[in-house]
Amino acid sequence: MARHQHASTAVTLTALVLATAGCTHSSGQPATGPATVEQQVTDAAEAFISSVASGSFSQALALSSTAPSSLACPELFEDAEETARSVPPEVGDVTVTGDTATAEVSYSLGGPQEEVLELTDVSGQWRPALPESYAVTVAFDGPTVAEVVVDDTCRVPVVDGQAHVVVPPGSHDITVVDPTGVLERSEHVIQRVPEQQTIGTDDLSALEAVPTLGFNVLQGEAGEAFVNALDVCLDADLADPSCPSALAGADPGSVQVVAAAPVAVLDRLWTDDGETWRFEARPGALAVTVDGTPVEVEVTLTGGLTRDNTGTLVATLDPEA
């Protein structure tokens, strides 16, 4: 997939007209502090936005109050291959409250943009936080095992059904994958930041924890994995710890599948820890003999699903499920 293409490489920063307001407190009253504080905040806001708009993303990150180590993908803040000439943005209202400040900035980046930067006085230097509009959030409708891949270079694990990554302005390739390889996933969009425009059909705010298409594909493959797992029990003459508890007391070698009630059909898939998949098969029946007497026993297989190093799906039955 293509690397991200920053809008700033193609579009110069064009100042939009905004009347510069004086330094005020959050109450809207004139500030009592020295005028140099307002100018310091204005200069810091201009320097940050100008760096972003010219494609100097590493410089913009260095000017910000955001530590690279706090970012999921700091490597994305590399400079654009081509930088664009820019003019300073227009800074509007500046509000200073102690060692924090806000600055309204207006500029052009693939179209008119406006931001309210939040700045902090860090050891005598005003530094803006990376704007929330630079964030991409991917959310699922429940717990899942997944990673969000950004621009083929960074993988962000999904935790508690959500992944959050801050990226520089531009177009970013967003793909969702299952790191275990158990599920096939097809979610893929191009996300434009800071516009928060999504190019693609997937809604990043409401993805399926277990995608329907991937589950249907897995269901067709899981039957063989379940049978292989059950064979481990049968090959051990029903003495293996993975043998279903319903087979307790059955005569070894007597187990037969009941065609009308198969036990090897995937019914449900979920995760308890966000790292591994659990499964439950549909309730089925097995024909056995107990002390020579034929009986049918109901069996519901449960356990975990993984893939081995050849990509083969492997089911591990819960002990005495």
Protein backbone atom coordinates (compact mmCIF):
# COMPACT_ATOMS: atom_id res chain seq x y z
CA MET A 1 0.00 0.00 0.00
CA ALA A 2 1.14 3.53 -0.65
CA ARG A 3 2.81 5.59 2.07
CA HIS A 4 0.89 8.58 3.30
CA GLN A 5 0.91 11.66 1.09
CA HIS A 6 0.97 14.87 3.04
CA ALA A 7 -1.31 17.57 1.77
CA SER A 8 1.33 20.11 2.72
CA THR A 9 3.64 18.97 -0.07
CA ALA A 10 1.22 20.20 -2.69
CA VAL A 11 -0.51 23.12 -1.11
CA THR A 12 1.12 26.29 0.12
CA LEU A 13 0.03 27.90 3.32
CA THR A 14 -2.25 30.82 2.45
CA ALA A 15 -3.10 33.24 5.22
CA LEU A 16 -6.77 33.85 5.87
CA VAL A 17 -7.75 37.23 7.23
CA LEU A 18 -8.46 37.29 10.93
CA ALA A 19 -8.26 40.35 13.15
CA THR A 20 -5.67 39.72 15.83
CA ALA A 21 -7.26 40.00 19.25
CA GLY A 22 -5.39 41.07 22.37
CA CYS A 23 -4.27 38.72 25.11
CA THR A 24 -7.21 37.95 27.37
CA HIS A 25 -7.98 35.76 30.32
CA SER A 26 -10.54 32.99 29.92
CA SER A 27 -13.08 35.44 31.32
CA GLY A 28 -12.60 37.65 28.29
CA GLN A 29 -11.10 40.52 30.33
CA PRO A 30 -7.84 42.18 29.21
CA ALA A 31 -4.77 40.35 30.50
CA THR A 32 -2.77 41.95 33.28
CA GLY A 33 0.45 40.15 32.36
CA PRO A 34 3.18 41.69 30.24
CA ALA A 35 2.54 42.07 26.53
CA THR A 36 5.55 39.86 25.75
CA VAL A 37 3.60 36.79 26.96
CA GLU A 38 0.98 37.26 24.25
CA GLN A 39 3.71 37.66 21.64
CA GLN A 40 5.52 34.54 22.85
CA VAL A 41 2.33 32.50 22.53
CA THR A 42 1.65 33.97 19.09
CA ASP A 43 5.18 33.22 17.91
CA ALA A 44 4.99 29.64 19.21
CA ALA A 45 1.66 29.04 17.46
CA GLU A 46 2.95 30.51 14.19
CA ALA A 47 6.15 28.45 14.30
CA PHE A 48 4.29 25.20 14.95
CA ILE A 49 1.63 25.63 12.24
CA SER A 50 4.19 26.89 9.73
CA SER A 51 6.32 23.77 10.31
CA VAL A 52 3.28 21.54 9.85
CA ALA A 53 2.15 23.29 6.68
CA SER A 54 5.61 23.15 5.11
CA GLY A 55 5.90 19.42 5.76
CA SER A 56 8.56 19.74 8.47
CA PHE A 57 6.77 17.31 10.76
CA SER A 58 9.81 16.38 12.84
CA GLN A 59 10.35 20.05 13.63
CA ALA A 60 6.65 20.50 14.46
CA LEU A 61 6.85 17.58 16.89
CA ALA A 62 9.98 19.05 18.47
CA LEU A 63 8.18 22.38 18.94
CA SER A 64 5.18 20.73 20.57
CA SER A 65 4.62 19.71 24.18
CA THR A 66 3.97 16.12 23.08
CA ALA A 67 6.77 13.67 23.89
CA PRO A 68 7.54 11.30 21.00
CA SER A 69 7.53 8.41 23.47
CA SER A 70 3.86 9.10 24.22
CA LEU A 71 2.86 8.55 20.58
CA ALA A 72 1.85 5.17 19.20
CA CYS A 73 3.58 5.94 15.90
CA PRO A 74 6.25 8.66 16.33
CA GLU A 75 7.97 7.42 13.17
CA LEU A 76 5.12 8.86 11.10
CA PHE A 77 6.32 12.36 12.00
CA GLU A 78 9.14 12.24 9.47
CA ASP A 79 9.49 15.19 7.13
CA ALA A 80 7.59 15.12 3.86
CA GLU A 81 9.69 14.23 0.83
CA GLU A 82 9.02 17.69 -0.58
CA THR A 83 8.44 20.77 1.52
CA ALA A 84 6.16 23.58 0.48
CA ARG A 85 6.93 27.27 0.83
CA SER A 86 4.61 28.85 3.32
CA VAL A 87 3.75 32.14 4.94
CA PRO A 88 2.89 32.49 8.63
CA PRO A 89 -0.67 31.66 9.64
CA GLU A 90 -2.98 34.26 11.06
CA VAL A 91 -3.27 34.04 14.83
CA GLY A 92 -6.54 35.32 16.24
CA ASP A 93 -7.64 35.31 19.87
CA VAL A 94 -4.94 34.42 22.38
CA THR A 95 -5.97 33.59 25.94
CA VAL A 96 -3.33 33.26 28.63
CA THR A 97 -4.11 31.76 32.04
CA GLY A 98 -1.06 31.23 34.17
CA ASP A 99 1.23 28.74 32.46
CA THR A 100 -1.37 27.65 29.91
CA ALA A 101 -2.76 29.42 26.86
CA THR A 102 -4.95 28.93 23.83
CA ALA A 103 -4.43 30.43 20.39
CA GLU A 104 -6.89 30.46 17.51
CA VAL A 105 -5.07 29.98 14.22
CA SER A 106 -6.37 30.12 10.68
CA TYR A 107 -4.46 28.78 7.69
CA SER A 108 -4.74 26.83 4.44
CA LEU A 109 -3.78 23.18 4.06
CA GLY A 110 -5.59 21.61 1.15
CA GLY A 111 -8.33 24.10 1.96
CA PRO A 112 -9.12 26.53 4.78
CA GLN A 113 -8.30 25.17 8.23
CA GLU A 114 -8.87 26.46 11.73
CA GLU A 115 -7.40 25.17 14.97
CA VAL A 116 -7.48 26.19 18.60
CA LEU A 117 -4.02 25.31 19.87
CA GLU A 118 -3.55 24.54 23.55
CA LEU A 119 -0.15 25.70 24.74
CA THR A 120 1.83 25.18 27.92
CA ASP A 121 4.77 27.14 29.29
CA VAL A 122 7.53 24.53 29.51
CA SER A 123 10.65 25.92 31.18
CA GLY A 124 10.02 29.35 29.74
CA GLN A 125 9.04 28.17 26.25
CA TRP A 126 5.45 28.02 25.03
CA ARG A 127 4.71 24.68 23.40
CA PRO A 128 1.44 23.60 21.72
CA ALA A 129 -0.01 20.14 22.19
CA LEU A 130 -0.65 18.20 19.00
CA PRO A 131 -4.28 19.04 18.08
CA GLU A 132 -6.99 16.44 18.64
CA SER A 133 -7.85 16.79 14.95
CA TYR A 134 -4.59 14.93 14.22
CA ALA A 135 -5.93 11.81 15.95
CA VAL A 136 -7.42 8.76 14.26
CA THR A 137 -9.63 6.61 16.48
CA VAL A 138 -10.76 3.14 15.46
CA ALA A 139 -13.56 1.65 17.58
CA PHE A 140 -15.24 -1.77 17.58
CA ASP A 141 -18.65 -2.91 18.80
CA GLY A 142 -17.08 -5.22 21.36
CA PRO A 143 -13.82 -6.84 22.53
CA THR A 144 -11.70 -8.09 19.64
CA VAL A 145 -8.25 -9.32 18.68
CA ALA A 146 -6.97 -6.79 16.17
CA GLU A 147 -4.29 -4.30 15.21
CA VAL A 148 -4.61 -1.06 13.27
CA VAL A 149 -1.89 -0.71 10.62
CA VAL A 150 -1.07 2.87 9.62
CA ASP A 151 0.71 3.52 6.32
CA ASP A 152 2.19 0.01 6.30
CA THR A 153 4.76 1.17 8.87
CA CYS A 154 3.12 1.19 12.28
CA ARG A 155 0.90 -1.36 14.05
CA VAL A 156 -1.28 -0.19 16.93
CA PRO A 157 -2.89 -2.88 19.12
CA VAL A 158 -6.61 -2.61 19.83
CA VAL A 159 -7.23 -2.41 23.58
CA ASP A 160 -10.70 -2.65 25.08
CA GLY A 161 -12.23 -2.41 21.61
CA GLN A 162 -10.42 0.77 20.59
CA ALA A 163 -7.18 2.05 19.05
CA HIS A 164 -6.04 5.66 19.07
CA VAL A 165 -3.16 7.02 16.98
CA VAL A 166 -1.95 10.58 16.37
CA VAL A 167 -0.64 11.28 12.86
CA PRO A 168 0.61 14.35 10.99
CA PRO A 169 -1.70 16.10 8.52
CA GLY A 170 -2.18 14.36 5.20
CA SER A 171 -3.72 11.19 3.78
CA HIS A 172 -3.12 8.00 5.74
CA ASP A 173 -3.72 4.37 4.84
CA ILE A 174 -5.64 2.63 7.65
CA THR A 175 -6.02 -1.16 7.67
CA VAL A 176 -7.34 -3.52 10.35
CA VAL A 177 -5.73 -6.96 10.73
CA ASP A 178 -5.98 -9.92 13.10
CA PRO A 179 -2.42 -10.49 14.42
CA THR A 180 -3.24 -14.13 15.21
CA GLY A 181 -4.28 -14.79 11.61
CA VAL A 182 -7.39 -16.63 12.79
CA LEU A 183 -9.84 -14.17 11.24
CA GLU A 184 -9.72 -12.66 7.79
CA ARG A 185 -10.41 -8.92 7.97
CA SER A 186 -11.00 -6.58 5.04
CA GLU A 187 -11.43 -3.15 6.66
CA HIS A 188 -9.39 -0.53 4.81
CA VAL A 189 -9.82 3.23 4.34
CA ILE A 190 -7.84 6.35 3.55
CA GLN A 191 -8.18 8.86 6.38
CA ARG A 192 -7.48 12.55 5.80
CA VAL A 193 -6.20 14.56 8.75
CA PRO A 194 -7.01 17.16 10.05
CA GLU A 195 -10.20 17.18 7.98
CA GLN A 196 -11.23 13.80 9.47
CA GLN A 197 -12.47 12.78 6.03
CA THR A 198 -12.76 9.04 5.39
CA ILE A 199 -12.32 7.68 1.88
CA GLY A 200 -13.80 4.18 1.85
CA THR A 201 -16.93 2.34 2.97
CA ASP A 202 -15.84 1.26 6.46
CA ASP A 203 -16.94 3.38 9.42
CA LEU A 204 -13.92 3.52 11.72
CA SER A 205 -16.11 4.41 14.69
CA ALA A 206 -18.29 1.28 14.48
CA LEU A 207 -16.39 -1.76 13.20
CA GLU A 208 -17.49 -5.31 13.96
CA ALA A 209 -15.45 -7.04 16.65
CA VAL A 210 -16.04 -10.28 14.73
CA PRO A 211 -16.69 -9.33 11.10
CA THR A 212 -19.53 -11.30 9.54
CA LEU A 213 -17.65 -12.15 6.37
CA GLY A 214 -14.57 -13.29 8.28
CA PHE A 215 -16.70 -15.40 10.62
CA ASN A 216 -18.45 -17.12 7.71
CA VAL A 217 -15.10 -17.99 6.14
CA LEU A 218 -13.80 -19.26 9.47
CA GLN A 219 -16.93 -21.34 10.03
CA GLY A 220 -16.22 -23.25 6.82
CA GLU A 221 -12.69 -23.98 8.01
CA ALA A 222 -13.30 -24.68 11.68
CA GLY A 223 -15.08 -28.04 11.24
CA GLU A 224 -11.90 -29.85 10.30
CA ALA A 225 -10.03 -28.22 13.20
CA PHE A 226 -12.71 -29.39 15.63
CA VAL A 227 -12.60 -32.94 14.29
CA ASN A 228 -8.80 -32.99 14.57
CA ALA A 229 -9.05 -31.79 18.16
CA LEU A 230 -11.63 -34.45 19.02
CA ASP A 231 -9.43 -37.10 17.42
CA VAL A 232 -6.73 -36.31 20.02
CA CYS A 233 -9.22 -37.42 22.65
CA LEU A 234 -10.32 -40.51 20.77
CA ASP A 235 -6.75 -41.57 19.95
CA ALA A 236 -6.02 -41.49 23.66
CA ASP A 237 -8.92 -43.90 24.32
CA LEU A 238 -10.90 -41.07 25.97
CA ALA A 239 -8.13 -40.55 28.55
CA ASP A 240 -6.86 -37.19 27.27
CA PRO A 241 -7.68 -34.16 29.50
CA SER A 242 -9.26 -32.46 26.48
CA CYS A 243 -12.00 -35.10 26.18
CA PRO A 244 -15.50 -33.64 26.62
CA SER A 245 -16.94 -34.46 30.04
CA ALA A 246 -19.98 -35.97 28.32
CA LEU A 247 -17.77 -38.87 27.24
CA ALA A 248 -16.87 -39.81 30.79
CA GLY A 249 -17.67 -43.48 31.28
CA ALA A 250 -18.00 -44.22 27.56
CA ASP A 251 -16.35 -47.34 26.23
CA PRO A 252 -13.08 -46.53 24.37
CA GLY A 253 -13.48 -47.03 20.63
CA SER A 254 -17.24 -46.72 20.76
CA VAL A 255 -17.63 -43.05 19.82
CA GLN A 256 -19.50 -42.36 16.59
CA VAL A 257 -20.70 -39.10 15.02
CA VAL A 258 -24.46 -38.53 14.83
CA ALA A 259 -25.01 -37.09 11.37
CA ALA A 260 -28.23 -35.33 12.31
CA ALA A 261 -26.55 -33.46 15.19
CA PRO A 262 -22.96 -32.59 14.19
CA VAL A 263 -20.63 -31.39 16.94
CA ALA A 264 -18.10 -29.67 14.66
CA VAL A 265 -19.96 -26.49 13.61
CA LEU A 266 -18.62 -23.14 14.83
CA ASP A 267 -21.33 -21.18 16.60
CA ARG A 268 -19.60 -18.36 18.45
CA LEU A 269 -16.23 -16.58 18.52
CA TRP A 270 -15.02 -14.12 21.16
CA THR A 271 -12.01 -13.00 23.17
CA ASP A 272 -11.58 -12.72 26.92
CA ASP A 273 -8.15 -11.07 26.93
CA GLY A 274 -7.91 -9.17 23.63
CA GLU A 275 -5.03 -11.40 22.54
CA THR A 276 -6.49 -14.86 21.84
CA TRP A 277 -9.71 -16.22 20.34
CA ARG A 278 -12.19 -18.46 22.14
CA PHE A 279 -14.83 -20.57 20.39
CA GLU A 280 -18.01 -22.48 21.08
CA ALA A 281 -19.45 -25.04 18.68
CA ARG A 282 -23.13 -25.74 18.22
CA PRO A 283 -24.49 -28.38 20.58
CA GLY A 284 -24.35 -31.76 18.88
CA ALA A 285 -24.50 -35.44 19.72
CA LEU A 286 -22.16 -38.41 19.73
CA ALA A 287 -23.21 -42.06 19.80
CA VAL A 288 -21.31 -44.11 22.34
CA THR A 289 -21.68 -47.26 24.39
CA VAL A 290 -21.48 -47.28 28.16
CA ASP A 291 -20.73 -50.74 29.51
CA GLY A 292 -21.87 -52.04 26.14
CA THR A 293 -25.17 -50.15 26.15
CA PRO A 294 -25.70 -47.74 23.19
CA VAL A 295 -26.54 -44.16 24.17
CA GLU A 296 -26.40 -40.71 22.63
CA VAL A 297 -24.69 -37.92 24.58
CA GLU A 298 -24.99 -34.19 23.95
CA VAL A 299 -21.65 -32.45 23.41
CA THR A 300 -20.77 -28.75 23.13
CA LEU A 301 -17.15 -28.21 22.18
CA THR A 302 -15.39 -25.11 23.55
CA GLY A 303 -11.78 -24.01 23.51
CA GLY A 304 -9.27 -21.78 21.74
CA LEU A 305 -8.42 -21.16 18.09
CA THR A 306 -4.95 -20.40 16.72
CA ARG A 307 -2.96 -20.97 13.55
CA ASP A 308 0.26 -22.93 13.37
CA ASN A 309 3.35 -21.83 11.46
CA THR A 310 1.90 -23.28 8.24
CA GLY A 311 -1.29 -21.23 8.56
CA THR A 312 -3.43 -24.24 9.46
CA LEU A 313 -6.28 -23.53 11.86
CA VAL A 314 -5.84 -25.38 15.16
CA ALA A 315 -8.54 -25.91 17.80
CA THR A 316 -7.59 -26.71 21.37
CA LEU A 317 -10.44 -28.11 23.42
CA ASP A 318 -11.07 -26.98 26.96
CA PRO A 319 -10.17 -29.69 29.49
CA GLU A 320 -13.26 -31.77 30.20
CA ALA A 321 -15.54 -29.25 28.56
